[in-house]
N, C-alpha and C. Protein backbone atom coordinates (compact mmCIF):
# COMPACT_ATOMS: atom_id res chain seq x y z
N MET A 1 -31.87 43.20 -8.89
CA MET A 1 -32.00 41.78 -8.77
C MET A 1 -33.21 41.47 -7.89
N VAL A 2 -33.92 40.40 -8.25
CA VAL A 2 -35.08 39.95 -7.51
C VAL A 2 -34.90 38.48 -7.19
N ILE A 3 -35.21 38.09 -5.96
CA ILE A 3 -35.26 36.69 -5.57
C ILE A 3 -36.74 36.36 -5.42
N ALA A 4 -37.21 35.33 -6.13
CA ALA A 4 -38.64 35.05 -6.16
C ALA A 4 -38.92 33.57 -5.91
N VAL A 5 -40.02 33.31 -5.20
CA VAL A 5 -40.51 31.96 -4.95
C VAL A 5 -41.98 31.94 -5.30
N GLY A 6 -42.43 30.91 -6.02
CA GLY A 6 -43.84 30.78 -6.32
C GLY A 6 -44.28 31.53 -7.57
N ILE A 7 -43.33 31.99 -8.35
CA ILE A 7 -43.63 32.68 -9.60
C ILE A 7 -42.96 31.90 -10.72
N THR A 8 -43.63 31.75 -11.83
CA THR A 8 -43.04 30.98 -12.93
C THR A 8 -41.90 31.76 -13.57
N PRO A 9 -40.90 31.06 -14.10
CA PRO A 9 -39.81 31.77 -14.78
C PRO A 9 -40.31 32.54 -16.01
N GLN A 10 -41.37 32.07 -16.62
CA GLN A 10 -41.94 32.77 -17.77
C GLN A 10 -42.48 34.14 -17.35
N ASN A 11 -43.14 34.20 -16.20
CA ASN A 11 -43.66 35.49 -15.71
C ASN A 11 -42.52 36.43 -15.36
N LEU A 12 -41.47 35.90 -14.76
CA LEU A 12 -40.32 36.74 -14.43
C LEU A 12 -39.62 37.23 -15.69
N ALA A 13 -39.49 36.36 -16.68
CA ALA A 13 -38.80 36.72 -17.92
C ALA A 13 -39.49 37.85 -18.66
N ALA A 14 -40.79 38.02 -18.43
CA ALA A 14 -41.52 39.11 -19.08
C ALA A 14 -41.04 40.48 -18.61
N SER A 15 -40.46 40.54 -17.39
CA SER A 15 -40.02 41.82 -16.84
C SER A 15 -38.51 41.91 -16.64
N PHE A 16 -37.82 40.78 -16.68
CA PHE A 16 -36.39 40.76 -16.40
C PHE A 16 -35.65 40.07 -17.54
N GLY A 17 -34.45 40.52 -17.79
CA GLY A 17 -33.68 39.98 -18.90
C GLY A 17 -33.11 38.61 -18.66
N SER A 18 -32.77 38.30 -17.42
CA SER A 18 -32.14 37.03 -17.10
C SER A 18 -32.84 36.39 -15.91
N VAL A 19 -33.21 35.12 -16.05
CA VAL A 19 -33.85 34.37 -14.96
C VAL A 19 -33.10 33.06 -14.80
N GLN A 20 -32.63 32.81 -13.58
CA GLN A 20 -31.88 31.59 -13.31
C GLN A 20 -32.40 30.91 -12.05
N LYS A 21 -32.38 29.58 -12.05
CA LYS A 21 -32.73 28.81 -10.86
C LYS A 21 -31.60 28.98 -9.85
N ALA A 22 -31.94 29.43 -8.63
CA ALA A 22 -30.93 29.67 -7.61
C ALA A 22 -30.89 28.54 -6.58
N ALA A 23 -32.05 27.93 -6.29
CA ALA A 23 -32.11 26.89 -5.26
C ALA A 23 -33.48 26.24 -5.28
N ARG A 24 -33.63 25.22 -4.48
CA ARG A 24 -34.93 24.60 -4.24
C ARG A 24 -35.11 24.52 -2.73
N ILE A 25 -36.28 24.90 -2.25
CA ILE A 25 -36.53 24.93 -0.81
C ILE A 25 -36.81 23.51 -0.31
N ASP A 26 -36.10 23.14 0.75
CA ASP A 26 -36.30 21.83 1.39
C ASP A 26 -36.11 22.03 2.89
N ASN A 27 -37.16 21.82 3.65
CA ASN A 27 -37.07 22.02 5.10
C ASN A 27 -36.44 20.82 5.81
N THR A 28 -36.02 19.82 5.08
CA THR A 28 -35.31 18.61 5.53
C THR A 28 -36.11 17.68 6.45
N ILE A 29 -37.33 18.07 6.80
CA ILE A 29 -38.14 17.18 7.64
C ILE A 29 -39.41 16.73 6.91
N GLY A 30 -39.55 17.15 5.67
CA GLY A 30 -40.70 16.74 4.88
C GLY A 30 -42.00 17.42 5.27
N GLU A 31 -41.91 18.48 6.06
CA GLU A 31 -43.11 19.23 6.46
C GLU A 31 -43.77 19.79 5.21
N ASP A 32 -45.04 19.46 5.00
CA ASP A 32 -45.75 19.92 3.82
C ASP A 32 -46.28 21.34 4.07
N ASN A 33 -45.64 22.31 3.43
CA ASN A 33 -46.10 23.70 3.52
C ASN A 33 -46.04 24.32 2.13
N ASP A 34 -46.44 25.55 2.01
CA ASP A 34 -46.51 26.21 0.70
C ASP A 34 -45.15 26.30 0.00
N GLU A 35 -44.09 26.39 0.77
CA GLU A 35 -42.77 26.60 0.18
C GLU A 35 -42.02 25.30 -0.12
N GLN A 36 -42.34 24.22 0.56
CA GLN A 36 -41.61 22.96 0.40
C GLN A 36 -41.55 22.53 -1.07
N GLY A 37 -40.33 22.33 -1.56
CA GLY A 37 -40.13 21.88 -2.93
C GLY A 37 -40.18 22.96 -3.98
N GLN A 38 -40.48 24.20 -3.59
CA GLN A 38 -40.57 25.30 -4.55
C GLN A 38 -39.17 25.70 -5.05
N THR A 39 -39.12 26.16 -6.27
CA THR A 39 -37.88 26.66 -6.84
C THR A 39 -37.70 28.13 -6.45
N VAL A 40 -36.47 28.49 -6.11
CA VAL A 40 -36.10 29.87 -5.84
C VAL A 40 -35.45 30.40 -7.11
N TRP A 41 -36.00 31.48 -7.66
CA TRP A 41 -35.50 32.07 -8.90
C TRP A 41 -34.77 33.36 -8.61
N MET A 42 -33.72 33.63 -9.38
CA MET A 42 -33.00 34.89 -9.34
C MET A 42 -33.20 35.56 -10.69
N ALA A 43 -33.73 36.77 -10.65
CA ALA A 43 -34.01 37.50 -11.90
C ALA A 43 -33.25 38.82 -11.87
N VAL A 44 -32.61 39.12 -13.00
CA VAL A 44 -31.83 40.35 -13.12
C VAL A 44 -32.28 41.10 -14.36
N SER A 45 -32.36 42.41 -14.23
CA SER A 45 -32.76 43.24 -15.36
C SER A 45 -31.68 44.24 -15.68
N THR A 46 -31.53 44.51 -16.95
CA THR A 46 -30.61 45.56 -17.37
C THR A 46 -31.37 46.84 -17.70
N ALA A 47 -32.68 46.83 -17.45
CA ALA A 47 -33.52 48.01 -17.74
C ALA A 47 -33.19 49.14 -16.78
N VAL A 48 -33.53 50.34 -17.18
CA VAL A 48 -33.37 51.51 -16.32
C VAL A 48 -34.27 51.34 -15.10
N LEU A 49 -33.76 51.64 -13.92
CA LEU A 49 -34.50 51.40 -12.68
C LEU A 49 -35.85 52.11 -12.65
N ASP A 50 -35.97 53.24 -13.31
CA ASP A 50 -37.24 53.98 -13.31
C ASP A 50 -38.36 53.19 -13.99
N THR A 51 -38.04 52.19 -14.80
CA THR A 51 -39.08 51.46 -15.51
C THR A 51 -39.56 50.23 -14.74
N ILE A 52 -38.92 49.95 -13.61
CA ILE A 52 -39.30 48.78 -12.82
C ILE A 52 -40.22 49.22 -11.69
N VAL A 53 -41.31 48.52 -11.51
CA VAL A 53 -42.23 48.82 -10.42
C VAL A 53 -41.56 48.40 -9.12
N ALA A 54 -41.48 49.31 -8.16
CA ALA A 54 -40.75 49.05 -6.93
C ALA A 54 -41.67 48.67 -5.77
N THR A 55 -42.88 48.24 -6.05
CA THR A 55 -43.81 47.87 -5.00
C THR A 55 -43.77 46.35 -4.80
N PRO A 56 -43.41 45.90 -3.58
CA PRO A 56 -43.40 44.46 -3.33
C PRO A 56 -44.81 43.88 -3.41
N CYS A 57 -44.91 42.67 -3.88
CA CYS A 57 -46.21 42.01 -4.04
C CYS A 57 -46.16 40.63 -3.38
N HIS A 58 -47.29 40.18 -2.90
CA HIS A 58 -47.42 38.84 -2.34
C HIS A 58 -48.45 38.11 -3.16
N PHE A 59 -48.08 36.97 -3.74
CA PHE A 59 -48.96 36.23 -4.63
C PHE A 59 -49.42 34.93 -3.99
N GLY A 60 -49.92 34.94 -2.84
CA GLY A 60 -50.36 33.67 -2.27
C GLY A 60 -50.96 33.86 -0.99
């Protein structure tokens, strides 16, 4: 399972079988930052673990 912010569900779906919206980030004070208002996605794959790249990436 992967929890992702700032990645489109289409990009996640290319590597994972199931992509669902888990939450939306809200800092409750309206502070404008990179994460405010972003969707948190949960992606799950049924693929064999050896086929998934296990290197964390930062896209921003």
